[in-house]
Every structure is written in structure tokens, then in C-alpha cells.
Amino acid sequence: TGLPPNALGLFMLGYTAIAVPVSTVLPQGLPGCTLLVSPDELTLRLPTAGGVTTTLAIPGVPALVGATLQQQMASIELDQNGAITAIATTAALTLTIGSF
């Protein structure tokens, strides 16, 4: 929640935790924003009322129990012409399959 009205949400799912300042990857990265997830899967989300929801289907395969994934969201702010003006990130979550 809390996305600006002119923003897109970027759902990032990765297998590795990293720590890379967004501004070293893209010049629109805001100070203090860090990419904390290896970007193995990226999904663009359109916000509704300033928020996005995500789902992740995990097959019922016993070999996946105990595997960990990293998840993070980014807000990509756009100007009236569709150009990226700012990128901000959330904290990351570590997800363990089969554990709650």
C-alpha cells in the first residue's frame, strides 16, 4: 500500500538475498533504496487504490519443503509522458516453503 497514483508496482522474487543500492542499477533509484532480492522473477502490477496484491502458486511437491525465497516490491513512479522519475523499494521478506 502507499503507492503514488502515477506508479506501477514491481513484484520481485529471488532465490538469493543481495544488497545493491537501486541508484547503482538505475539512475532513478531514490537514496536509501536497496535491491535486496536477486531479480530472478519480475512481475509488473497495476495498483488499485494505492496498493497491489500478489499471489504465488507453489506446487505440492515434497522436495520444495524447506526451500527459501526472497520477495520485495518496488514502486516505479512515472511522469505524465510515461518516463520513470523515481524508483523506491520496500524491505524484503524471506519465505520458507512449508513453514509458518
PDB file of N, CA and C in Angstrom:
ATOM      1  N   THR A   1       0.841  -1.180   0.000  1.00  0.00           N
ATOM      2  CA  THR A   1       0.000   0.000   0.000  1.00  0.00           C
ATOM      3  C   THR A   1       0.885   1.242   0.000  1.00  0.00           C
ATOM      4  N   GLY A   2       0.283   2.389  -0.240  1.00  0.00           N
ATOM      5  CA  GLY A   2       1.024   3.641  -0.203  1.00  0.00           C
ATOM      6  C   GLY A   2       1.701   4.021  -1.500  1.00  0.00           C
ATOM      7  N   LEU A   3       1.353   3.365  -2.596  1.00  0.00           N
ATOM      8  CA  LEU A   3       1.953   3.723  -3.884  1.00  0.00           C
ATOM      9  C   LEU A   3       1.350   5.028  -4.398  1.00  0.00           C
ATOM     10  N   PRO A   4       2.175   5.870  -5.021  1.00  0.00           N
ATOM     11  CA  PRO A   4       1.657   7.107  -5.598  1.00  0.00           C
ATOM     12  C   PRO A   4       0.656   6.789  -6.721  1.00  0.00           C
ATOM     13  N   PRO A   5      -0.238   7.704  -7.034  1.00  0.00           N
ATOM     14  CA  PRO A   5      -1.238   7.431  -8.075  1.00  0.00           C
ATOM     15  C   PRO A   5      -0.645   7.228  -9.463  1.00  0.00           C
ATOM     16  N   ASN A   6       0.542   7.734  -9.697  1.00  0.00           N
ATOM     17  CA  ASN A   6       1.176   7.615 -11.012  1.00  0.00           C
ATOM     18  C   ASN A   6       2.304   6.580 -10.996  1.00  0.00           C
ATOM     19  N   ALA A   7       2.095   5.475 -10.282  1.00  0.00           N
ATOM     20  CA  ALA A   7       3.170   4.488 -10.137  1.00  0.00           C
ATOM     21  C   ALA A   7       2.709   3.098 -10.560  1.00  0.00           C
ATOM     22  N   LEU A   8       3.691   2.269 -10.834  1.00  0.00           N
ATOM     23  CA  LEU A   8       3.489   0.844 -11.071  1.00  0.00           C
ATOM     24  C   LEU A   8       4.173   0.089  -9.942  1.00  0.00           C
ATOM     25  N   GLY A   9       3.673  -1.084  -9.620  1.00  0.00           N
ATOM     26  CA  GLY A   9       4.327  -1.934  -8.630  1.00  0.00           C
ATOM     27  C   GLY A   9       5.121  -3.013  -9.337  1.00  0.00           C
ATOM     28  N   LEU A  10       6.309  -3.286  -8.857  1.00  0.00           N
ATOM     29  CA  LEU A  10       7.137  -4.346  -9.423  1.00  0.00           C
ATOM     30  C   LEU A  10       7.377  -5.384  -8.346  1.00  0.00           C
ATOM     31  N   PHE A  11       6.840  -6.581  -8.546  1.00  0.00           N
ATOM     32  CA  PHE A  11       6.992  -7.705  -7.631  1.00  0.00           C
ATOM     33  C   PHE A  11       8.265  -8.442  -8.014  1.00  0.00           C
ATOM     34  N   MET A  12       9.167  -8.591  -7.062  1.00  0.00           N
ATOM     35  CA  MET A  12      10.439  -9.278  -7.327  1.00  0.00           C
ATOM     36  C   MET A  12      10.529 -10.518  -6.456  1.00  0.00           C
ATOM     37  N   LEU A  13      10.876 -11.625  -7.069  1.00  0.00           N
ATOM     38  CA  LEU A  13      11.047 -12.885  -6.361  1.00  0.00           C
ATOM     39  C   LEU A  13      12.414 -13.426  -6.730  1.00  0.00           C
ATOM     40  N   GLY A  14      13.174 -13.812  -5.728  1.00  0.00           N
ATOM     41  CA  GLY A  14      14.516 -14.304  -5.995  1.00  0.00           C
ATOM     42  C   GLY A  14      14.899 -15.449  -5.098  1.00  0.00           C
ATOM     43  N   TYR A  15      15.979 -16.086  -5.432  1.00  0.00           N
ATOM     44  CA  TYR A  15      16.483 -17.225  -4.667  1.00  0.00           C
ATOM     45  C   TYR A  15      17.635 -16.837  -3.750  1.00  0.00           C
ATOM     46  N   THR A  16      18.115 -15.599  -3.904  1.00  0.00           N
ATOM     47  CA  THR A  16      19.271 -15.146  -3.154  1.00  0.00           C
ATOM     48  C   THR A  16      19.030 -13.757  -2.581  1.00  0.00           C
ATOM     49  N   ALA A  17      19.448 -13.543  -1.347  1.00  0.00           N
ATOM     50  CA  ALA A  17      19.416 -12.205  -0.758  1.00  0.00           C
ATOM     51  C   ALA A  17      20.664 -11.456  -1.215  1.00  0.00           C
ATOM     52  N   ILE A  18      20.478 -10.204  -1.635  1.00  0.00           N
ATOM     53  CA  ILE A  18      21.584  -9.352  -2.060  1.00  0.00           C
ATOM     54  C   ILE A  18      21.419  -7.992  -1.398  1.00  0.00           C
ATOM     55  N   ALA A  19      22.322  -7.091  -1.628  1.00  0.00           N
ATOM     56  CA  ALA A  19      22.217  -5.712  -1.132  1.00  0.00           C
ATOM     57  C   ALA A  19      22.899  -4.788  -2.127  1.00  0.00           C
ATOM     58  N   VAL A  20      22.118  -4.257  -3.067  1.00  0.00           N
ATOM     59  CA  VAL A  20      22.639  -3.380  -4.114  1.00  0.00           C
ATOM     60  C   VAL A  20      21.818  -2.096  -4.110  1.00  0.00           C
ATOM     61  N   PRO A  21      22.437  -0.935  -3.918  1.00  0.00           N
ATOM     62  CA  PRO A  21      21.675   0.313  -4.000  1.00  0.00           C
ATOM     63  C   PRO A  21      21.013   0.442  -5.376  1.00  0.00           C
ATOM     64  N   VAL A  22      19.725   0.743  -5.388  1.00  0.00           N
ATOM     65  CA  VAL A  22      18.991   0.843  -6.653  1.00  0.00           C
ATOM     66  C   VAL A  22      19.622   1.889  -7.562  1.00  0.00           C
ATOM     67  N   SER A  23      20.142   2.968  -6.994  1.00  0.00           N
ATOM     68  CA  SER A  23      20.726   4.045  -7.806  1.00  0.00           C
ATOM     69  C   SER A  23      21.972   3.598  -8.574  1.00  0.00           C
ATOM     70  N   THR A  24      22.607   2.489  -8.176  1.00  0.00           N
ATOM     71  CA  THR A  24      23.756   1.990  -8.945  1.00  0.00           C
ATOM     72  C   THR A  24      23.304   1.186 -10.156  1.00  0.00           C
ATOM     73  N   VAL A  25      22.047   0.744 -10.153  1.00  0.00           N
ATOM     74  CA  VAL A  25      21.496  -0.023 -11.269  1.00  0.00           C
ATOM     75  C   VAL A  25      20.705   0.881 -12.212  1.00  0.00           C
ATOM     76  N   LEU A  26      19.902   1.774 -11.615  1.00  0.00           N
ATOM     77  CA  LEU A  26      19.085   2.713 -12.392  1.00  0.00           C
ATOM     78  C   LEU A  26      19.226   4.104 -11.782  1.00  0.00           C
ATOM     79  N   PRO A  27      19.446   5.120 -12.592  1.00  0.00           N
ATOM     80  CA  PRO A  27      19.664   6.462 -12.034  1.00  0.00           C
ATOM     81  C   PRO A  27      18.442   7.034 -11.304  1.00  0.00           C
ATOM     82  N   GLN A  28      17.254   6.489 -11.539  1.00  0.00           N
ATOM     83  CA  GLN A  28      16.049   6.987 -10.887  1.00  0.00           C
ATOM     84  C   GLN A  28      15.866   6.416  -9.478  1.00  0.00           C
ATOM     85  N   GLY A  29      16.753   5.532  -9.051  1.00  0.00           N
ATOM     86  CA  GLY A  29      16.670   4.947  -7.711  1.00  0.00           C
ATOM     87  C   GLY A  29      16.816   6.017  -6.639  1.00  0.00           C
ATOM     88  N   LEU A  30      15.915   6.017  -5.675  1.00  0.00           N
ATOM     89  CA  LEU A  30      15.955   7.020  -4.616  1.00  0.00           C
ATOM     90  C   LEU A  30      17.033   6.687  -3.585  1.00  0.00           C
ATOM     91  N   PRO A  31      17.599   7.698  -2.949  1.00  0.00           N
ATOM     92  CA  PRO A  31      18.617   7.460  -1.920  1.00  0.00           C
ATOM     93  C   PRO A  31      18.062   6.571  -0.804  1.00  0.00           C
ATOM     94  N   GLY A  32      18.862   5.637  -0.364  1.00  0.00           N
ATOM     95  CA  GLY A  32      18.467   4.744   0.719  1.00  0.00           C
ATOM     96  C   GLY A  32      17.675   3.532   0.275  1.00  0.00           C
ATOM     97  N   CYS A  33      17.323   3.456  -1.012  1.00  0.00           N
ATOM     98  CA  CYS A  33      16.574   2.306  -1.517  1.00  0.00           C
ATOM     99  C   CYS A  33      17.553   1.256  -2.017  1.00  0.00           C
ATOM    100  N   THR A  34      17.337   0.026  -1.573  1.00  0.00           N
ATOM    101  CA  THR A  34      18.274  -1.049  -1.875  1.00  0.00           C
ATOM    102  C   THR A  34      17.546  -2.237  -2.463  1.00  0.00           C
ATOM    103  N   LEU A  35      18.126  -2.809  -3.500  1.00  0.00           N
ATOM    104  CA  LEU A  35      17.634  -4.055  -4.072  1.00  0.00           C
ATOM    105  C   LEU A  35      18.136  -5.168  -3.162  1.00  0.00           C
ATOM    106  N   LEU A  36      17.219  -5.867  -2.492  1.00  0.00           N
ATOM    107  CA  LEU A  36      17.582  -6.873  -1.501  1.00  0.00           C
ATOM    108  C   LEU A  36      17.323  -8.298  -1.978  1.00  0.00           C
ATOM    109  N   VAL A  37      16.851  -8.430  -3.211  1.00  0.00           N
ATOM    110  CA  VAL A  37      16.451  -9.716  -3.765  1.00  0.00           C
ATOM    111  C   VAL A  37      17.083  -9.893  -5.135  1.00  0.00           C
ATOM    112  N   SER A  38      17.654 -11.062  -5.397  1.00  0.00           N
ATOM    113  CA  SER A  38      18.123 -11.325  -6.759  1.00  0.00           C
ATOM    114  C   SER A  38      16.895 -11.330  -7.666  1.00  0.00           C
ATOM    115  N   PRO A  39      16.907 -10.567  -8.751  1.00  0.00           N
ATOM    116  CA  PRO A  39      15.705 -10.432  -9.583  1.00  0.00           C
ATOM    117  C   PRO A  39      15.506 -11.629 -10.524  1.00  0.00           C
ATOM    118  N   ASP A  40      15.196 -12.782  -9.940  1.00  0.00           N
ATOM    119  CA  ASP A  40      15.017 -13.991 -10.746  1.00  0.00           C
ATOM    120  C   ASP A  40      13.654 -14.025 -11.434  1.00  0.00           C
ATOM    121  N   GLU A  41      12.633 -13.443 -10.801  1.00  0.00           N
ATOM    122  CA  GLU A  41      11.314 -13.336 -11.420  1.00  0.00           C
ATOM    123  C   GLU A  41      10.770 -11.942 -11.138  1.00  0.00           C
ATOM    124  N   LEU A  42      10.372 -11.251 -12.174  1.00  0.00           N
ATOM    125  CA  LEU A  42       9.826  -9.897 -12.048  1.00  0.00           C
ATOM    126  C   LEU A  42       8.425  -9.881 -12.631  1.00  0.00           C
ATOM    127  N   THR A  43       7.480  -9.289 -11.903  1.00  0.00           N
ATOM    128  CA  THR A  43       6.105  -9.176 -12.371  1.00  0.00           C
ATOM    129  C   THR A  43       5.630  -7.755 -12.127  1.00  0.00           C
ATOM    130  N   LEU A  44       5.154  -7.105 -13.178  1.00  0.00           N
ATOM    131  CA  LEU A  44       4.635  -5.747 -13.074  1.00  0.00           C
ATOM    132  C   LEU A  44       3.187  -5.807 -12.605  1.00  0.00           C
ATOM    133  N   ARG A  45       2.836  -4.966 -11.640  1.00  0.00           N
ATOM    134  CA  ARG A  45       1.483  -4.922 -11.082  1.00  0.00           C
ATOM    135  C   ARG A  45       0.919  -3.515 -11.219  1.00  0.00           C
ATOM    136  N   LEU A  46      -0.354  -3.411 -11.562  1.00  0.00           N
ATOM    137  CA  LEU A  46      -1.046  -2.127 -11.626  1.00  0.00           C
ATOM    138  C   LEU A  46      -1.723  -1.887 -10.283  1.00  0.00           C
ATOM    139  N   PRO A  47      -1.410  -0.791  -9.611  1.00  0.00           N
ATOM    140  CA  PRO A  47      -2.010  -0.519  -8.299  1.00  0.00           C
ATOM    141  C   PRO A  47      -3.503  -0.217  -8.395  1.00  0.00           C
ATOM    142  N   THR A  48      -4.201  -0.586  -7.355  1.00  0.00           N
ATOM    143  CA  THR A  48      -5.597  -0.231  -7.167  1.00  0.00           C
ATOM    144  C   THR A  48      -5.689   0.465  -5.823  1.00  0.00           C
ATOM    145  N   ALA A  49      -6.152   1.690  -5.828  1.00  0.00           N
ATOM    146  CA  ALA A  49      -6.272   2.488  -4.597  1.00  0.00           C
ATOM    147  C   ALA A  49      -4.939   2.548  -3.844  1.00  0.00           C
ATOM    148  N   GLY A  50      -3.841   2.677  -4.596  1.00  0.00           N
ATOM    149  CA  GLY A  50      -2.529   2.839  -3.980  1.00  0.00           C
ATOM    150  C   GLY A  50      -1.887   1.568  -3.471  1.00  0.00           C
ATOM    151  N   GLY A  51      -2.423   0.408  -3.825  1.00  0.00           N
ATOM    152  CA  GLY A  51      -1.841  -0.845  -3.351  1.00  0.00           C
ATOM    153  C   GLY A  51      -1.850  -1.913  -4.427  1.00  0.00           C
ATOM    154  N   VAL A  52      -1.036  -2.920  -4.237  1.00  0.00           N
ATOM    155  CA  VAL A  52      -1.012  -4.078  -5.129  1.00  0.00           C
ATOM    156  C   VAL A  52      -1.100  -5.337  -4.285  1.00  0.00           C
ATOM    157  N   THR A  53      -1.636  -6.366  -4.880  1.00  0.00           N
ATOM    158  CA  THR A  53      -1.658  -7.670  -4.229  1.00  0.00           C
ATOM    159  C   THR A  53      -0.897  -8.654  -5.100  1.00  0.00           C
ATOM    160  N   THR A  54      -0.319  -9.632  -4.471  1.00  0.00           N
ATOM    161  CA  THR A  54       0.420 -10.642  -5.214  1.00  0.00           C
ATOM    162  C   THR A  54       0.035 -12.023  -4.693  1.00  0.00           C
ATOM    163  N   THR A  55       0.145 -12.981  -5.553  1.00  0.00           N
ATOM    164  CA  THR A  55      -0.038 -14.374  -5.170  1.00  0.00           C
ATOM    165  C   THR A  55       1.115 -15.169  -5.750  1.00  0.00           C
ATOM    166  N   LEU A  56       1.387 -16.263  -5.120  1.00  0.00           N
ATOM    167  CA  LEU A  56       2.470 -17.129  -5.588  1.00  0.00           C
ATOM    168  C   LEU A  56       1.998 -18.566  -5.470  1.00  0.00           C
ATOM    169  N   ALA A  57       1.815 -19.215  -6.597  1.00  0.00           N
ATOM    170  CA  ALA A  57       1.393 -20.616  -6.607  1.00  0.00           C
ATOM    171  C   ALA A  57       2.615 -21.505  -6.402  1.00  0.00           C
ATOM    172  N   ILE A  58       2.544 -22.359  -5.405  1.00  0.00           N
ATOM    173  CA  ILE A  58       3.637 -23.286  -5.126  1.00  0.00           C
ATOM    174  C   ILE A  58       3.084 -24.703  -5.265  1.00  0.00           C
ATOM    175  N   PRO A  59       3.662 -25.487  -6.149  1.00  0.00           N
ATOM    176  CA  PRO A  59       3.156 -26.846  -6.329  1.00  0.00           C
ATOM    177  C   PRO A  59       3.376 -27.696  -5.074  1.00  0.00           C
ATOM    178  N   GLY A  60       2.504 -28.663  -4.874  1.00  0.00           N
ATOM    179  CA  GLY A  60       2.608 -29.548  -3.710  1.00  0.00           C
ATOM    180  C   GLY A  60       3.647 -30.630  -3.919  1.00  0.00           C
ATOM    181  N   VAL A  61       4.888 -30.225  -4.026  1.00  0.00           N
ATOM    182  CA  VAL A  61       5.997 -31.156  -4.263  1.00  0.00           C
ATOM    183  C   VAL A  61       6.828 -31.250  -2.989  1.00  0.00           C
ATOM    184  N   PRO A  62       6.935 -32.425  -2.382  1.00  0.00           N
ATOM    185  CA  PRO A  62       7.684 -32.552  -1.128  1.00  0.00           C
ATOM    186  C   PRO A  62       9.125 -32.042  -1.201  1.00  0.00           C
ATOM    187  N   ALA A  63       9.747 -32.103  -2.365  1.00  0.00           N
ATOM    188  CA  ALA A  63      11.138 -31.658  -2.495  1.00  0.00           C
ATOM    189  C   ALA A  63      11.283 -30.157  -2.257  1.00  0.00           C
ATOM    190  N   LEU A  64      10.196 -29.406  -2.346  1.00  0.00           N
ATOM    191  CA  LEU A  64      10.263 -27.957  -2.142  1.00  0.00           C
ATOM    192  C   LEU A  64      10.170 -27.559  -0.669  1.00  0.00           C
ATOM    193  N   VAL A  65       9.743 -28.460   0.184  1.00  0.00           N
ATOM    194  CA  VAL A  65       9.599 -28.135   1.604  1.00  0.00           C
ATOM    195  C   VAL A  65      10.956 -27.724   2.174  1.00  0.00           C
ATOM    196  N   GLY A  66      10.983 -26.565   2.796  1.00  0.00           N
ATOM    197  CA  GLY A  66      12.215 -26.045   3.381  1.00  0.00           C
ATOM    198  C   GLY A  66      12.988 -25.105   2.469  1.00  0.00           C
ATOM    199  N   ALA A  67      12.622 -25.039   1.190  1.00  0.00           N
ATOM    200  CA  ALA A  67      13.292 -24.111   0.271  1.00  0.00           C
ATOM    201  C   ALA A  67      12.933 -22.679   0.661  1.00  0.00           C
ATOM    202  N   THR A  68      13.859 -21.756   0.458  1.00  0.00           N
ATOM    203  CA  THR A  68      13.592 -20.359   0.796  1.00  0.00           C
ATOM    204  C   THR A  68      13.586 -19.493  -0.454  1.00  0.00           C
ATOM    205  N   LEU A  69      12.755 -18.473  -0.418  1.00  0.00           N
ATOM    206  CA  LEU A  69      12.646 -17.486  -1.483  1.00  0.00           C
ATOM    207  C   LEU A  69      12.715 -16.110  -0.841  1.00  0.00           C
ATOM    208  N   GLN A  70      13.141 -15.137  -1.603  1.00  0.00           N
ATOM    209  CA  GLN A  70      13.189 -13.746  -1.167  1.00  0.00           C
ATOM    210  C   GLN A  70      12.159 -12.973  -1.977  1.00  0.00           C
ATOM    211  N   GLN A  71      11.420 -12.070  -1.328  1.00  0.00           N
ATOM    212  CA  GLN A  71      10.392 -11.287  -2.015  1.00  0.00           C
ATOM    213  C   GLN A  71      10.535  -9.828  -1.643  1.00  0.00           C
ATOM    214  N   GLN A  72      10.366  -8.943  -2.634  1.00  0.00           N
ATOM    215  CA  GLN A  72      10.453  -7.500  -2.415  1.00  0.00           C
ATOM    216  C   GLN A  72       9.583  -6.806  -3.463  1.00  0.00           C
ATOM    217  N   MET A  73       9.086  -5.620  -3.112  1.00  0.00           N
ATOM    218  CA  MET A  73       8.307  -4.804  -4.047  1.00  0.00           C
ATOM    219  C   MET A  73       9.050  -3.498  -4.318  1.00  0.00           C
ATOM    220  N   ALA A  74       8.845  -2.983  -5.520  1.00  0.00           N
ATOM    221  CA  ALA A  74       9.384  -1.669  -5.877  1.00  0.00           C
ATOM    222  C   ALA A  74       8.248  -0.830  -6.440  1.00  0.00           C
ATOM    223  N   SER A  75       8.313   0.452  -6.176  1.00  0.00           N
ATOM    224  CA  SER A  75       7.378   1.425  -6.726  1.00  0.00           C
ATOM    225  C   SER A  75       8.103   2.170  -7.835  1.00  0.00           C
ATOM    226  N   ILE A  76       7.533   2.139  -9.028  1.00  0.00           N
ATOM    227  CA  ILE A  76       8.117   2.822 -10.180  1.00  0.00           C
ATOM    228  C   ILE A  76       7.209   3.998 -10.515  1.00  0.00           C
ATOM    229  N   GLU A  77       7.662   5.200 -10.185  1.00  0.00           N
ATOM    230  CA  GLU A  77       6.850   6.400 -10.432  1.00  0.00           C
ATOM    231  C   GLU A  77       7.089   6.906 -11.849  1.00  0.00           C
ATOM    232  N   LEU A  78       5.995   7.304 -12.498  1.00  0.00           N
ATOM    233  CA  LEU A  78       6.038   7.771 -13.880  1.00  0.00           C
ATOM    234  C   LEU A  78       5.562   9.222 -13.971  1.00  0.00           C
ATOM    235  N   ASP A  79       6.099   9.962 -14.943  1.00  0.00           N
ATOM    236  CA  ASP A  79       5.577  11.307 -15.185  1.00  0.00           C
ATOM    237  C   ASP A  79       4.431  11.215 -16.193  1.00  0.00           C
ATOM    238  N   GLN A  80       3.865  12.346 -16.590  1.00  0.00           N
ATOM    239  CA  GLN A  80       2.707  12.356 -17.480  1.00  0.00           C
ATOM    240  C   GLN A  80       3.013  11.795 -18.862  1.00  0.00           C
ATOM    241  N   ASN A  81       4.288  11.705 -19.224  1.00  0.00           N
ATOM    242  CA  ASN A  81       4.679  11.137 -20.518  1.00  0.00           C
ATOM    243  C   ASN A  81       5.056   9.661 -20.427  1.00  0.00           C
ATOM    244  N   GLY A  82       4.984   9.084 -19.214  1.00  0.00           N
ATOM    245  CA  GLY A  82       5.324   7.679 -19.032  1.00  0.00           C
ATOM    246  C   GLY A  82       6.788   7.425 -18.737  1.00  0.00           C
ATOM    247  N   ALA A  83       7.586   8.484 -18.552  1.00  0.00           N
ATOM    248  CA  ALA A  83       9.007   8.314 -18.226  1.00  0.00           C
ATOM    249  C   ALA A  83       9.155   8.013 -16.732  1.00  0.00           C
ATOM    250  N   ILE A  84      10.096   7.174 -16.397  1.00  0.00           N
ATOM    251  CA  ILE A  84      10.351   6.827 -14.993  1.00  0.00           C
ATOM    252  C   ILE A  84      11.024   8.004 -14.307  1.00  0.00           C
ATOM    253  N   THR A  85      10.436   8.448 -13.185  1.00  0.00           N
ATOM    254  CA  THR A  85      11.003   9.575 -12.443  1.00  0.00           C
ATOM    255  C   THR A  85      11.616   9.155 -11.116  1.00  0.00           C
ATOM    256  N   ALA A  86      11.148   8.049 -10.536  1.00  0.00           N
ATOM    257  CA  ALA A  86      11.682   7.607  -9.244  1.00  0.00           C
ATOM    258  C   ALA A  86      11.386   6.130  -9.051  1.00  0.00           C
ATOM    259  N   ILE A  87      12.312   5.450  -8.374  1.00  0.00           N
ATOM    260  CA  ILE A  87      12.122   4.048  -8.012  1.00  0.00           C
ATOM    261  C   ILE A  87      12.431   3.910  -6.528  1.00  0.00           C
ATOM    262  N   ALA A  88      11.464   3.390  -5.792  1.00  0.00           N
ATOM    263  CA  ALA A  88      11.631   3.152  -4.356  1.00  0.00           C
ATOM    264  C   ALA A  88      11.364   1.676  -4.077  1.00  0.00           C
ATOM    265  N   THR A  89      11.979   1.151  -3.028  1.00  0.00           N
ATOM    266  CA  THR A  89      11.814  -0.267  -2.695  1.00  0.00           C
ATOM    267  C   THR A  89      11.327  -0.444  -1.266  1.00  0.00           C
ATOM    268  N   THR A  90      10.732  -1.602  -1.028  1.00  0.00           N
ATOM    269  CA  THR A  90      10.304  -1.981   0.313  1.00  0.00           C
ATOM    270  C   THR A  90      11.404  -2.796   0.980  1.00  0.00           C
ATOM    271  N   ALA A  91      11.156  -3.188   2.206  1.00  0.00           N
ATOM    272  CA  ALA A  91      12.001  -4.184   2.853  1.00  0.00           C
ATOM    273  C   ALA A  91      11.732  -5.521   2.159  1.00  0.00           C
ATOM    274  N   ALA A  92      12.580  -6.489   2.379  1.00  0.00           N
ATOM    275  CA  ALA A  92      12.414  -7.799   1.751  1.00  0.00           C
ATOM    276  C   ALA A  92      11.849  -8.795   2.762  1.00  0.00           C
ATOM    277  N   LEU A  93      11.184  -9.800   2.236  1.00  0.00           N
ATOM    278  CA  LEU A  93      10.695 -10.908   3.048  1.00  0.00           C
ATOM    279  C   LEU A  93      11.443 -12.170   2.662  1.00  0.00           C
ATOM    280  N   THR A  94      11.741 -13.013   3.632  1.00  0.00           N
ATOM    281  CA  THR A  94      12.272 -14.324   3.368  1.00  0.00           C
ATOM    282  C   THR A  94      11.143 -15.309   3.601  1.00  0.00           C
ATOM    283  N   LEU A  95      10.820 -16.094   2.582  1.00  0.00           N
ATOM    284  CA  LEU A  95       9.725 -17.040   2.638  1.00  0.00           C
ATOM    285  C   LEU A  95      10.292 -18.460   2.657  1.00  0.00           C
ATOM    286  N   THR A  96       9.809 -19.277   3.569  1.00  0.00           N
ATOM    287  CA  THR A  96      10.230 -20.675   3.638  1.00  0.00           C
ATOM    288  C   THR A  96       9.032 -21.541   3.284  1.00  0.00           C
ATOM    289  N   ILE A  97       9.169 -22.329   2.266  1.00  0.00           N
ATOM    290  CA  ILE A  97       8.063 -23.178   1.799  1.00  0.00           C
ATOM    291  C   ILE A  97       7.799 -24.282   2.816  1.00  0.00           C
ATOM    292  N   GLY A  98       6.524 -24.415   3.156  1.00  0.00           N
ATOM    293  CA  GLY A  98       6.122 -25.459   4.081  1.00  0.00           C
ATOM    294  C   GLY A  98       6.277 -25.092   5.536  1.00  0.00           C
ATOM    295  N   SER A  99       6.605 -23.853   5.832  1.00  0.00           N
ATOM    296  CA  SER A  99       6.809 -23.409   7.203  1.00  0.00           C
ATOM    297  C   SER A  99       5.956 -22.185   7.457  1.00  0.00           C
ATOM    298  N   PHE A 100       5.356 -22.114   8.649  1.00  0.00           N
ATOM    299  CA  PHE A 100       4.580 -20.928   9.009  1.00  0.00           C
ATOM    300  C   PHE A 100       4.601 -20.727  10.499  1.00  0.00           C
TER     301      PHE A 100
END
